[in-house]
Amino acid sequence: IIPFTSSRNITTTDVNNTIECTATSTLTLTSNFTSMLTGDTINLEAHNGAVLTIQASSGVTINYTASGSAKFTSAAGNVRFGFLRKTGTNSYIISGQ
C-alpha cells in the first residue's frame, strides 16, 4: 500500500500496488509511461472524505477518452475504491468510479 497525500505523476512503484489516498490529490498518467505494461494494474482507494482524481496527460486515454479523467470521492468514514488497468500504449481503463 502506497500512501498518497499530494498530487504527482504515476511512478514505477505504483504499478501492481494499491494507492491509498487520504488527502484530496491527483494522480497524472503521463504519456509513454513504459514502467507499466499492458495488463498491469493499480488499485485505487480514496479514504474518509478525500477525493482522488486520475488525470490523463496529453496523448493518454482513460476509458477511451483522450486526456480524460476519473474521480473517486469518498464520504467521511468510508472508502471509495477502483481499479486501473493498462490496455495498451497510452491507454487505460478505470472501473469503480
C-alpha atoms as a PDB file:
ATOM      1  CA  ILE A   1       0.000   0.000   0.000  1.00  0.00           C
ATOM      2  CA  ILE A   2       1.369   3.363  -1.068  1.00  0.00           C
ATOM      3  CA  PRO A   3       0.241   6.422   0.930  1.00  0.00           C
ATOM      4  CA  PHE A   4      -0.996   9.159  -1.415  1.00  0.00           C
ATOM      5  CA  THR A   5      -1.427  12.633   0.075  1.00  0.00           C
ATOM      6  CA  SER A   6      -0.241  15.057  -2.620  1.00  0.00           C
ATOM      7  CA  SER A   7      -0.662  15.342  -6.383  1.00  0.00           C
ATOM      8  CA  ARG A   8       2.010  13.770  -8.574  1.00  0.00           C
ATOM      9  CA  ASN A   9       2.713  11.762 -11.732  1.00  0.00           C
ATOM     10  CA  ILE A  10       2.460   7.981 -11.851  1.00  0.00           C
ATOM     11  CA  THR A  11       5.660   6.191 -10.769  1.00  0.00           C
ATOM     12  CA  THR A  12       7.159   2.745 -11.159  1.00  0.00           C
ATOM     13  CA  THR A  13       6.354   1.859  -7.530  1.00  0.00           C
ATOM     14  CA  ASP A  14       2.606   2.432  -8.157  1.00  0.00           C
ATOM     15  CA  VAL A  15       2.404  -0.467 -10.623  1.00  0.00           C
ATOM     16  CA  ASN A  16       0.660  -3.577  -9.233  1.00  0.00           C
ATOM     17  CA  ASN A  17       0.181  -1.878  -5.851  1.00  0.00           C
ATOM     18  CA  THR A  18      -2.584  -0.023  -4.001  1.00  0.00           C
ATOM     19  CA  ILE A  19      -2.671   3.776  -3.825  1.00  0.00           C
ATOM     20  CA  GLU A  20      -4.300   4.884  -0.571  1.00  0.00           C
ATOM     21  CA  CYS A  21      -5.467   8.487  -0.963  1.00  0.00           C
ATOM     22  CA  THR A  22      -6.134  10.137   2.401  1.00  0.00           C
ATOM     23  CA  ALA A  23      -5.976  13.789   1.240  1.00  0.00           C
ATOM     24  CA  THR A  24      -7.557  15.200  -1.906  1.00  0.00           C
ATOM     25  CA  SER A  25      -4.968  14.706  -4.684  1.00  0.00           C
ATOM     26  CA  THR A  26      -4.475  13.997  -8.386  1.00  0.00           C
ATOM     27  CA  LEU A  27      -2.505  11.156  -9.950  1.00  0.00           C
ATOM     28  CA  THR A  28      -1.464  12.035 -13.504  1.00  0.00           C
ATOM     29  CA  LEU A  29      -0.943   9.311 -16.108  1.00  0.00           C
ATOM     30  CA  THR A  30       1.936  10.513 -18.259  1.00  0.00           C
ATOM     31  CA  SER A  31       2.489   9.786 -21.938  1.00  0.00           C
ATOM     32  CA  ASN A  32       4.746   6.849 -22.805  1.00  0.00           C
ATOM     33  CA  PHE A  33       4.931   5.514 -19.229  1.00  0.00           C
ATOM     34  CA  THR A  34       6.730   2.269 -20.079  1.00  0.00           C
ATOM     35  CA  SER A  35       7.168   1.029 -16.499  1.00  0.00           C
ATOM     36  CA  MET A  36       3.552  -0.135 -16.626  1.00  0.00           C
ATOM     37  CA  LEU A  37       2.983  -2.920 -19.141  1.00  0.00           C
ATOM     38  CA  THR A  38      -0.275  -3.818 -20.859  1.00  0.00           C
ATOM     39  CA  GLY A  39      -2.323  -5.775 -18.308  1.00  0.00           C
ATOM     40  CA  ASP A  40      -0.586  -4.276 -15.258  1.00  0.00           C
ATOM     41  CA  THR A  41      -2.894  -2.753 -12.653  1.00  0.00           C
ATOM     42  CA  ILE A  42      -3.128  -0.247  -9.810  1.00  0.00           C
ATOM     43  CA  ASN A  43      -5.748  -0.475  -7.051  1.00  0.00           C
ATOM     44  CA  LEU A  44      -7.189   2.949  -6.219  1.00  0.00           C
ATOM     45  CA  GLU A  45      -8.620   3.938  -2.834  1.00  0.00           C
ATOM     46  CA  ALA A  46      -9.983   7.275  -1.565  1.00  0.00           C
ATOM     47  CA  HIS A  47     -10.466   7.367   2.222  1.00  0.00           C
ATOM     48  CA  ASN A  48     -12.544   9.363   4.698  1.00  0.00           C
ATOM     49  CA  GLY A  49     -13.689  12.328   2.593  1.00  0.00           C
ATOM     50  CA  ALA A  50     -10.667  12.504   0.275  1.00  0.00           C
ATOM     51  CA  VAL A  51     -11.118  12.949  -3.473  1.00  0.00           C
ATOM     52  CA  LEU A  52      -8.732  11.007  -5.723  1.00  0.00           C
ATOM     53  CA  THR A  53      -8.613  12.262  -9.302  1.00  0.00           C
ATOM     54  CA  ILE A  54      -6.885  10.250 -12.023  1.00  0.00           C
ATOM     55  CA  GLN A  55      -5.928  12.578 -14.894  1.00  0.00           C
ATOM     56  CA  ALA A  56      -4.581  11.591 -18.316  1.00  0.00           C
ATOM     57  CA  SER A  57      -1.968  13.922 -19.760  1.00  0.00           C
ATOM     58  CA  SER A  58      -1.984  14.898 -23.432  1.00  0.00           C
ATOM     59  CA  GLY A  59      -1.767  11.814 -25.654  1.00  0.00           C
ATOM     60  CA  VAL A  60      -3.154   9.449 -22.989  1.00  0.00           C
ATOM     61  CA  THR A  61      -6.686   7.986 -22.899  1.00  0.00           C
ATOM     62  CA  ILE A  62      -8.798   6.877 -19.941  1.00  0.00           C
ATOM     63  CA  ASN A  63     -11.865   4.790 -20.786  1.00  0.00           C
ATOM     64  CA  TYR A  64     -11.396   5.707 -24.479  1.00  0.00           C
ATOM     65  CA  THR A  65     -11.422   9.464 -23.781  1.00  0.00           C
ATOM     66  CA  ALA A  66      -8.317  11.432 -24.781  1.00  0.00           C
ATOM     67  CA  SER A  67      -6.877  13.424 -21.860  1.00  0.00           C
ATOM     68  CA  GLY A  68      -9.780  12.112 -19.771  1.00  0.00           C
ATOM     69  CA  SER A  69     -10.110  11.875 -16.034  1.00  0.00           C
ATOM     70  CA  ALA A  70     -11.797   9.821 -13.345  1.00  0.00           C
ATOM     71  CA  LYS A  71     -12.757  10.899  -9.844  1.00  0.00           C
ATOM     72  CA  PHE A  72     -13.196   8.847  -6.684  1.00  0.00           C
ATOM     73  CA  THR A  73     -14.988  10.853  -3.992  1.00  0.00           C
ATOM     74  CA  SER A  74     -15.197   9.226  -0.579  1.00  0.00           C
ATOM     75  CA  ALA A  75     -17.566  10.139   2.224  1.00  0.00           C
ATOM     76  CA  ALA A  76     -16.379  10.687   5.783  1.00  0.00           C
ATOM     77  CA  GLY A  77     -15.851   7.318   7.440  1.00  0.00           C
ATOM     78  CA  ASN A  78     -15.957   5.426   4.129  1.00  0.00           C
ATOM     79  CA  VAL A  79     -13.702   4.245   1.310  1.00  0.00           C
ATOM     80  CA  ARG A  80     -14.348   4.579  -2.430  1.00  0.00           C
ATOM     81  CA  PHE A  81     -12.239   2.204  -4.487  1.00  0.00           C
ATOM     82  CA  GLY A  82     -11.497   1.348  -8.080  1.00  0.00           C
ATOM     83  CA  PHE A  83      -9.127  -0.389 -10.399  1.00  0.00           C
ATOM     84  CA  LEU A  84      -6.854   0.986 -13.129  1.00  0.00           C
ATOM     85  CA  ARG A  85      -5.562  -1.341 -15.854  1.00  0.00           C
ATOM     86  CA  LYS A  86      -3.270  -0.514 -18.749  1.00  0.00           C
ATOM     87  CA  THR A  87      -4.820  -1.711 -22.024  1.00  0.00           C
ATOM     88  CA  GLY A  88      -2.173  -0.507 -24.472  1.00  0.00           C
ATOM     89  CA  THR A  89       0.360   2.208 -25.159  1.00  0.00           C
ATOM     90  CA  ASN A  90      -1.002   5.378 -23.520  1.00  0.00           C
ATOM     91  CA  SER A  91      -4.387   3.703 -22.908  1.00  0.00           C
ATOM     92  CA  TYR A  92      -6.022   2.845 -19.565  1.00  0.00           C
ATOM     93  CA  ILE A  93      -9.354   1.542 -18.285  1.00  0.00           C
ATOM     94  CA  ILE A  94     -10.676   2.571 -14.871  1.00  0.00           C
ATOM     95  CA  SER A  95     -13.572   0.873 -13.103  1.00  0.00           C
ATOM     96  CA  GLY A  96     -15.360   1.511  -9.832  1.00  0.00           C
ATOM     97  CA  GLN A  97     -15.826   5.276 -10.013  1.00  0.00           C
END
